[in-house]
Amino acid sequence: MQSLALFQLSAPASLLRMPAVNTLKVWRGRLRHREALFMLSRKGMHILEDVGLSAAQVEAEIRKPFWRA
């Protein structure tokens, strides 16, 4: 499957203090975590059930847009 991350964000530390850059980093992190969750769910729900996640919880999380916590 193709990666859902559209870009890599790297910036100097001074730029990371800017709210817009921090927001983009948070959004990118959410996107990457949800993509990883999606990939694990396709390998088998037993993996996620082992850590206490139900199929409904996984589905609800991976359907969220990246800007929603």
PDB file of N, CA and C in Angstrom:
ATOM      1  N   MET A   1       0.834  -1.186   0.000  1.00  0.00           N
ATOM      2  CA  MET A   1       0.000   0.000   0.000  1.00  0.00           C
ATOM      3  C   MET A   1       0.876   1.246   0.000  1.00  0.00           C
ATOM      4  N   GLN A   2       0.417   2.228  -0.682  1.00  0.00           N
ATOM      5  CA  GLN A   2       1.124   3.487  -0.782  1.00  0.00           C
ATOM      6  C   GLN A   2       1.022   4.249   0.531  1.00  0.00           C
ATOM      7  N   SER A   3       2.080   4.930   0.898  1.00  0.00           N
ATOM      8  CA  SER A   3       2.069   5.706   2.136  1.00  0.00           C
ATOM      9  C   SER A   3       1.101   6.868   2.020  1.00  0.00           C
ATOM     10  N   LEU A   4       0.362   7.118   3.103  1.00  0.00           N
ATOM     11  CA  LEU A   4      -0.575   8.231   3.130  1.00  0.00           C
ATOM     12  C   LEU A   4       0.107   9.543   3.475  1.00  0.00           C
ATOM     13  N   ALA A   5       1.311   9.470   3.998  1.00  0.00           N
ATOM     14  CA  ALA A   5       2.028  10.696   4.345  1.00  0.00           C
ATOM     15  C   ALA A   5       2.439  11.398   3.058  1.00  0.00           C
ATOM     16  N   LEU A   6       2.062  12.663   2.933  1.00  0.00           N
ATOM     17  CA  LEU A   6       2.308  13.392   1.705  1.00  0.00           C
ATOM     18  C   LEU A   6       3.657  14.081   1.679  1.00  0.00           C
ATOM     19  N   PHE A   7       4.216  14.333   2.835  1.00  0.00           N
ATOM     20  CA  PHE A   7       5.495  15.017   2.871  1.00  0.00           C
ATOM     21  C   PHE A   7       6.201  14.725   4.182  1.00  0.00           C
ATOM     22  N   GLN A   8       7.487  14.925   4.155  1.00  0.00           N
ATOM     23  CA  GLN A   8       8.297  14.824   5.362  1.00  0.00           C
ATOM     24  C   GLN A   8       8.549  16.252   5.840  1.00  0.00           C
ATOM     25  N   LEU A   9       8.319  16.496   7.106  1.00  0.00           N
ATOM     26  CA  LEU A   9       8.512  17.836   7.647  1.00  0.00           C
ATOM     27  C   LEU A   9       9.761  17.843   8.510  1.00  0.00           C
ATOM     28  N   SER A  10      10.750  18.595   8.093  1.00  0.00           N
ATOM     29  CA  SER A  10      11.934  18.775   8.918  1.00  0.00           C
ATOM     30  C   SER A  10      12.242  20.267   8.913  1.00  0.00           C
ATOM     31  N   ALA A  11      12.557  20.781  10.078  1.00  0.00           N
ATOM     32  CA  ALA A  11      12.793  22.211  10.205  1.00  0.00           C
ATOM     33  C   ALA A  11      13.743  22.461  11.355  1.00  0.00           C
ATOM     34  N   PRO A  12      14.420  23.610  11.311  1.00  0.00           N
ATOM     35  CA  PRO A  12      15.286  23.960  12.439  1.00  0.00           C
ATOM     36  C   PRO A  12      14.474  24.170  13.708  1.00  0.00           C
ATOM     37  N   ALA A  13      15.116  24.022  14.840  1.00  0.00           N
ATOM     38  CA  ALA A  13      14.424  24.121  16.132  1.00  0.00           C
ATOM     39  C   ALA A  13      13.703  25.452  16.299  1.00  0.00           C
ATOM     40  N   SER A  14      14.276  26.546  15.817  1.00  0.00           N
ATOM     41  CA  SER A  14      13.614  27.849  15.965  1.00  0.00           C
ATOM     42  C   SER A  14      12.292  27.898  15.219  1.00  0.00           C
ATOM     43  N   LEU A  15      12.215  27.210  14.094  1.00  0.00           N
ATOM     44  CA  LEU A  15      10.987  27.199  13.308  1.00  0.00           C
ATOM     45  C   LEU A  15       9.920  26.322  13.959  1.00  0.00           C
ATOM     46  N   LEU A  16      10.344  25.322  14.717  1.00  0.00           N
ATOM     47  CA  LEU A  16       9.396  24.411  15.352  1.00  0.00           C
ATOM     48  C   LEU A  16       8.582  25.075  16.449  1.00  0.00           C
ATOM     49  N   ARG A  17       8.997  26.232  16.893  1.00  0.00           N
ATOM     50  CA  ARG A  17       8.242  26.956  17.908  1.00  0.00           C
ATOM     51  C   ARG A  17       7.023  27.654  17.311  1.00  0.00           C
ATOM     52  N   MET A  18       6.958  27.704  16.012  1.00  0.00           N
ATOM     53  CA  MET A  18       5.838  28.364  15.350  1.00  0.00           C
ATOM     54  C   MET A  18       4.608  27.468  15.413  1.00  0.00           C
ATOM     55  N   PRO A  19       3.447  28.009  15.794  1.00  0.00           N
ATOM     56  CA  PRO A  19       2.238  27.204  15.943  1.00  0.00           C
ATOM     57  C   PRO A  19       1.845  26.424  14.680  1.00  0.00           C
ATOM     58  N   ALA A  20       1.975  27.023  13.523  1.00  0.00           N
ATOM     59  CA  ALA A  20       1.574  26.334  12.293  1.00  0.00           C
ATOM     60  C   ALA A  20       2.443  25.101  12.045  1.00  0.00           C
ATOM     61  N   VAL A  21       3.732  25.218  12.296  1.00  0.00           N
ATOM     62  CA  VAL A  21       4.638  24.093  12.091  1.00  0.00           C
ATOM     63  C   VAL A  21       4.325  22.986  13.093  1.00  0.00           C
ATOM     64  N   ASN A  22       4.062  23.365  14.337  1.00  0.00           N
ATOM     65  CA  ASN A  22       3.709  22.366  15.346  1.00  0.00           C
ATOM     66  C   ASN A  22       2.417  21.654  14.973  1.00  0.00           C
ATOM     67  N   THR A  23       1.455  22.387  14.478  1.00  0.00           N
ATOM     68  CA  THR A  23       0.190  21.782  14.051  1.00  0.00           C
ATOM     69  C   THR A  23       0.427  20.779  12.935  1.00  0.00           C
ATOM     70  N   LEU A  24       1.247  21.139  11.959  1.00  0.00           N
ATOM     71  CA  LEU A  24       1.550  20.216  10.862  1.00  0.00           C
ATOM     72  C   LEU A  24       2.242  18.957  11.359  1.00  0.00           C
ATOM     73  N   LYS A  25       3.132  19.111  12.335  1.00  0.00           N
ATOM     74  CA  LYS A  25       3.812  17.939  12.894  1.00  0.00           C
ATOM     75  C   LYS A  25       2.832  17.022  13.627  1.00  0.00           C
ATOM     76  N   VAL A  26       1.891  17.596  14.354  1.00  0.00           N
ATOM     77  CA  VAL A  26       0.874  16.800  15.049  1.00  0.00           C
ATOM     78  C   VAL A  26       0.016  16.067  14.026  1.00  0.00           C
ATOM     79  N   TRP A  27      -0.407  16.770  13.001  1.00  0.00           N
ATOM     80  CA  TRP A  27      -1.242  16.147  11.965  1.00  0.00           C
ATOM     81  C   TRP A  27      -0.503  15.008  11.270  1.00  0.00           C
ATOM     82  N   ARG A  28       0.768  15.232  10.964  1.00  0.00           N
ATOM     83  CA  ARG A  28       1.555  14.194  10.303  1.00  0.00           C
ATOM     84  C   ARG A  28       1.688  12.969  11.207  1.00  0.00           C
ATOM     85  N   GLY A  29       1.889  13.210  12.501  1.00  0.00           N
ATOM     86  CA  GLY A  29       1.981  12.099  13.443  1.00  0.00           C
ATOM     87  C   GLY A  29       0.695  11.293  13.513  1.00  0.00           C
ATOM     88  N   ARG A  30      -0.432  11.993  13.554  1.00  0.00           N
ATOM     89  CA  ARG A  30      -1.725  11.286  13.569  1.00  0.00           C
ATOM     90  C   ARG A  30      -1.911  10.457  12.314  1.00  0.00           C
ATOM     91  N   LEU A  31      -1.563  11.031  11.174  1.00  0.00           N
ATOM     92  CA  LEU A  31      -1.697  10.317   9.909  1.00  0.00           C
ATOM     93  C   LEU A  31      -0.838   9.059   9.901  1.00  0.00           C
ATOM     94  N   ARG A  32       0.381   9.175  10.358  1.00  0.00           N
ATOM     95  CA  ARG A  32       1.278   8.018  10.385  1.00  0.00           C
ATOM     96  C   ARG A  32       0.789   6.939  11.351  1.00  0.00           C
ATOM     97  N   HIS A  33       0.300   7.352  12.528  1.00  0.00           N
ATOM     98  CA  HIS A  33      -0.207   6.371  13.493  1.00  0.00           C
ATOM     99  C   HIS A  33      -1.440   5.659  12.961  1.00  0.00           C
ATOM    100  N   ARG A  34      -2.316   6.394  12.317  1.00  0.00           N
ATOM    101  CA  ARG A  34      -3.532   5.774  11.770  1.00  0.00           C
ATOM    102  C   ARG A  34      -3.204   4.866  10.597  1.00  0.00           C
ATOM    103  N   GLU A  35      -2.214   5.239   9.816  1.00  0.00           N
ATOM    104  CA  GLU A  35      -1.777   4.377   8.724  1.00  0.00           C
ATOM    105  C   GLU A  35      -1.203   3.073   9.277  1.00  0.00           C
ATOM    106  N   ALA A  36      -0.412   3.169  10.333  1.00  0.00           N
ATOM    107  CA  ALA A  36       0.160   1.966  10.955  1.00  0.00           C
ATOM    108  C   ALA A  36      -0.942   1.090  11.548  1.00  0.00           C
ATOM    109  N   LEU A  37      -1.922   1.703  12.171  1.00  0.00           N
ATOM    110  CA  LEU A  37      -3.052   0.965  12.727  1.00  0.00           C
ATOM    111  C   LEU A  37      -3.819   0.246  11.620  1.00  0.00           C
ATOM    112  N   PHE A  38      -4.004   0.928  10.495  1.00  0.00           N
ATOM    113  CA  PHE A  38      -4.676   0.320   9.343  1.00  0.00           C
ATOM    114  C   PHE A  38      -3.907  -0.901   8.856  1.00  0.00           C
ATOM    115  N   MET A  39      -2.596  -0.759   8.728  1.00  0.00           N
ATOM    116  CA  MET A  39      -1.776  -1.872   8.251  1.00  0.00           C
ATOM    117  C   MET A  39      -1.844  -3.062   9.214  1.00  0.00           C
ATOM    118  N   LEU A  40      -1.797  -2.790  10.505  1.00  0.00           N
ATOM    119  CA  LEU A  40      -1.907  -3.876  11.487  1.00  0.00           C
ATOM    120  C   LEU A  40      -3.273  -4.546  11.418  1.00  0.00           C
ATOM    121  N   SER A  41      -4.306  -3.759  11.199  1.00  0.00           N
ATOM    122  CA  SER A  41      -5.656  -4.335  11.146  1.00  0.00           C
ATOM    123  C   SER A  41      -5.812  -5.251   9.939  1.00  0.00           C
ATOM    124  N   ARG A  42      -5.100  -4.968   8.859  1.00  0.00           N
ATOM    125  CA  ARG A  42      -5.186  -5.804   7.660  1.00  0.00           C
ATOM    126  C   ARG A  42      -4.390  -7.092   7.808  1.00  0.00           C
ATOM    127  N   LYS A  43      -3.394  -7.077   8.693  1.00  0.00           N
ATOM    128  CA  LYS A  43      -2.612  -8.296   8.934  1.00  0.00           C
ATOM    129  C   LYS A  43      -3.394  -9.293   9.783  1.00  0.00           C
ATOM    130  N   GLY A  44      -4.307  -8.776  10.585  1.00  0.00           N
ATOM    131  CA  GLY A  44      -5.111  -9.649  11.427  1.00  0.00           C
ATOM    132  C   GLY A  44      -5.533  -8.938  12.695  1.00  0.00           C
ATOM    133  N   MET A  45      -6.808  -8.971  12.970  1.00  0.00           N
ATOM    134  CA  MET A  45      -7.319  -8.283  14.152  1.00  0.00           C
ATOM    135  C   MET A  45      -6.802  -8.903  15.442  1.00  0.00           C
ATOM    136  N   HIS A  46      -6.368 -10.148  15.394  1.00  0.00           N
ATOM    137  CA  HIS A  46      -5.868 -10.774  16.620  1.00  0.00           C
ATOM    138  C   HIS A  46      -4.686 -10.003  17.202  1.00  0.00           C
ATOM    139  N   ILE A  47      -3.897  -9.374  16.331  1.00  0.00           N
ATOM    140  CA  ILE A  47      -2.759  -8.579  16.801  1.00  0.00           C
ATOM    141  C   ILE A  47      -3.254  -7.422  17.655  1.00  0.00           C
ATOM    142  N   LEU A  48      -4.272  -6.726  17.174  1.00  0.00           N
ATOM    143  CA  LEU A  48      -4.790  -5.565  17.890  1.00  0.00           C
ATOM    144  C   LEU A  48      -5.639  -5.972  19.091  1.00  0.00           C
ATOM    145  N   GLU A  49      -6.320  -7.097  18.993  1.00  0.00           N
ATOM    146  CA  GLU A  49      -7.095  -7.582  20.136  1.00  0.00           C
ATOM    147  C   GLU A  49      -6.182  -7.954  21.297  1.00  0.00           C
ATOM    148  N   ASP A  50      -4.959  -8.375  20.975  1.00  0.00           N
ATOM    149  CA  ASP A  50      -3.987  -8.714  22.019  1.00  0.00           C
ATOM    150  C   ASP A  50      -3.634  -7.507  22.886  1.00  0.00           C
ATOM    151  N   VAL A  51      -3.743  -6.311  22.328  1.00  0.00           N
ATOM    152  CA  VAL A  51      -3.451  -5.100  23.100  1.00  0.00           C
ATOM    153  C   VAL A  51      -4.724  -4.404  23.564  1.00  0.00           C
ATOM    154  N   GLY A  52      -5.854  -5.087  23.409  1.00  0.00           N
ATOM    155  CA  GLY A  52      -7.106  -4.585  23.970  1.00  0.00           C
ATOM    156  C   GLY A  52      -7.943  -3.702  23.066  1.00  0.00           C
ATOM    157  N   LEU A  53      -7.712  -3.724  21.763  1.00  0.00           N
ATOM    158  CA  LEU A  53      -8.517  -2.918  20.845  1.00  0.00           C
ATOM    159  C   LEU A  53      -9.527  -3.804  20.118  1.00  0.00           C
ATOM    160  N   SER A  54     -10.760  -3.334  20.069  1.00  0.00           N
ATOM    161  CA  SER A  54     -11.791  -4.066  19.337  1.00  0.00           C
ATOM    162  C   SER A  54     -11.787  -3.625  17.876  1.00  0.00           C
ATOM    163  N   ALA A  55     -12.440  -4.403  17.033  1.00  0.00           N
ATOM    164  CA  ALA A  55     -12.537  -4.052  15.614  1.00  0.00           C
ATOM    165  C   ALA A  55     -13.253  -2.720  15.439  1.00  0.00           C
ATOM    166  N   ALA A  56     -14.265  -2.463  16.249  1.00  0.00           N
ATOM    167  CA  ALA A  56     -15.007  -1.203  16.156  1.00  0.00           C
ATOM    168  C   ALA A  56     -14.124  -0.011  16.534  1.00  0.00           C
ATOM    169  N   GLN A  57     -13.308  -0.165  17.565  1.00  0.00           N
ATOM    170  CA  GLN A  57     -12.410   0.911  17.976  1.00  0.00           C
ATOM    171  C   GLN A  57     -11.379   1.215  16.886  1.00  0.00           C
ATOM    172  N   VAL A  58     -10.841   0.171  16.308  1.00  0.00           N
ATOM    173  CA  VAL A  58      -9.839   0.336  15.253  1.00  0.00           C
ATOM    174  C   VAL A  58     -10.473   1.026  14.046  1.00  0.00           C
ATOM    175  N   GLU A  59     -11.626   0.567  13.636  1.00  0.00           N
ATOM    176  CA  GLU A  59     -12.312   1.148  12.477  1.00  0.00           C
ATOM    177  C   GLU A  59     -12.632   2.621  12.709  1.00  0.00           C
ATOM    178  N   ALA A  60     -13.106   2.953  13.898  1.00  0.00           N
ATOM    179  CA  ALA A  60     -13.436   4.343  14.215  1.00  0.00           C
ATOM    180  C   ALA A  60     -12.190   5.221  14.167  1.00  0.00           C
ATOM    181  N   GLU A  61     -11.080   4.705  14.663  1.00  0.00           N
ATOM    182  CA  GLU A  61      -9.849   5.499  14.683  1.00  0.00           C
ATOM    183  C   GLU A  61      -9.275   5.710  13.284  1.00  0.00           C
ATOM    184  N   ILE A  62      -9.249   4.679  12.463  1.00  0.00           N
ATOM    185  CA  ILE A  62      -8.630   4.843  11.148  1.00  0.00           C
ATOM    186  C   ILE A  62      -9.509   5.645  10.193  1.00  0.00           C
ATOM    187  N   ARG A  63     -10.773   5.790  10.494  1.00  0.00           N
ATOM    188  CA  ARG A  63     -11.659   6.605   9.647  1.00  0.00           C
ATOM    189  C   ARG A  63     -11.610   8.094   9.979  1.00  0.00           C
ATOM    190  N   LYS A  64     -11.009   8.446  11.104  1.00  0.00           N
ATOM    191  CA  LYS A  64     -10.925   9.856  11.475  1.00  0.00           C
ATOM    192  C   LYS A  64      -9.998  10.605  10.535  1.00  0.00           C
ATOM    193  N   PRO A  65     -10.345  11.818  10.180  1.00  0.00           N
ATOM    194  CA  PRO A  65      -9.411  12.628   9.392  1.00  0.00           C
ATOM    195  C   PRO A  65      -8.217  13.032  10.263  1.00  0.00           C
ATOM    196  N   PHE A  66      -7.102  13.339   9.643  1.00  0.00           N
ATOM    197  CA  PHE A  66      -5.874  13.625  10.389  1.00  0.00           C
ATOM    198  C   PHE A  66      -5.983  14.837  11.308  1.00  0.00           C
ATOM    199  N   TRP A  67      -6.883  15.739  11.033  1.00  0.00           N
ATOM    200  CA  TRP A  67      -6.990  16.943  11.867  1.00  0.00           C
ATOM    201  C   TRP A  67      -7.845  16.716  13.108  1.00  0.00           C
ATOM    202  N   ARG A  68      -8.480  15.561  13.219  1.00  0.00           N
ATOM    203  CA  ARG A  68      -9.336  15.278  14.379  1.00  0.00           C
ATOM    204  C   ARG A  68      -8.605  14.355  15.335  1.00  0.00           C
ATOM    205  N   ALA A  69      -8.557  14.758  16.608  1.00  0.00           N
ATOM    206  CA  ALA A  69      -7.882  13.968  17.637  1.00  0.00           C
ATOM    207  C   ALA A  69      -8.728  12.773  18.049  1.00  0.00           C
TER     208      ALA A  69
END
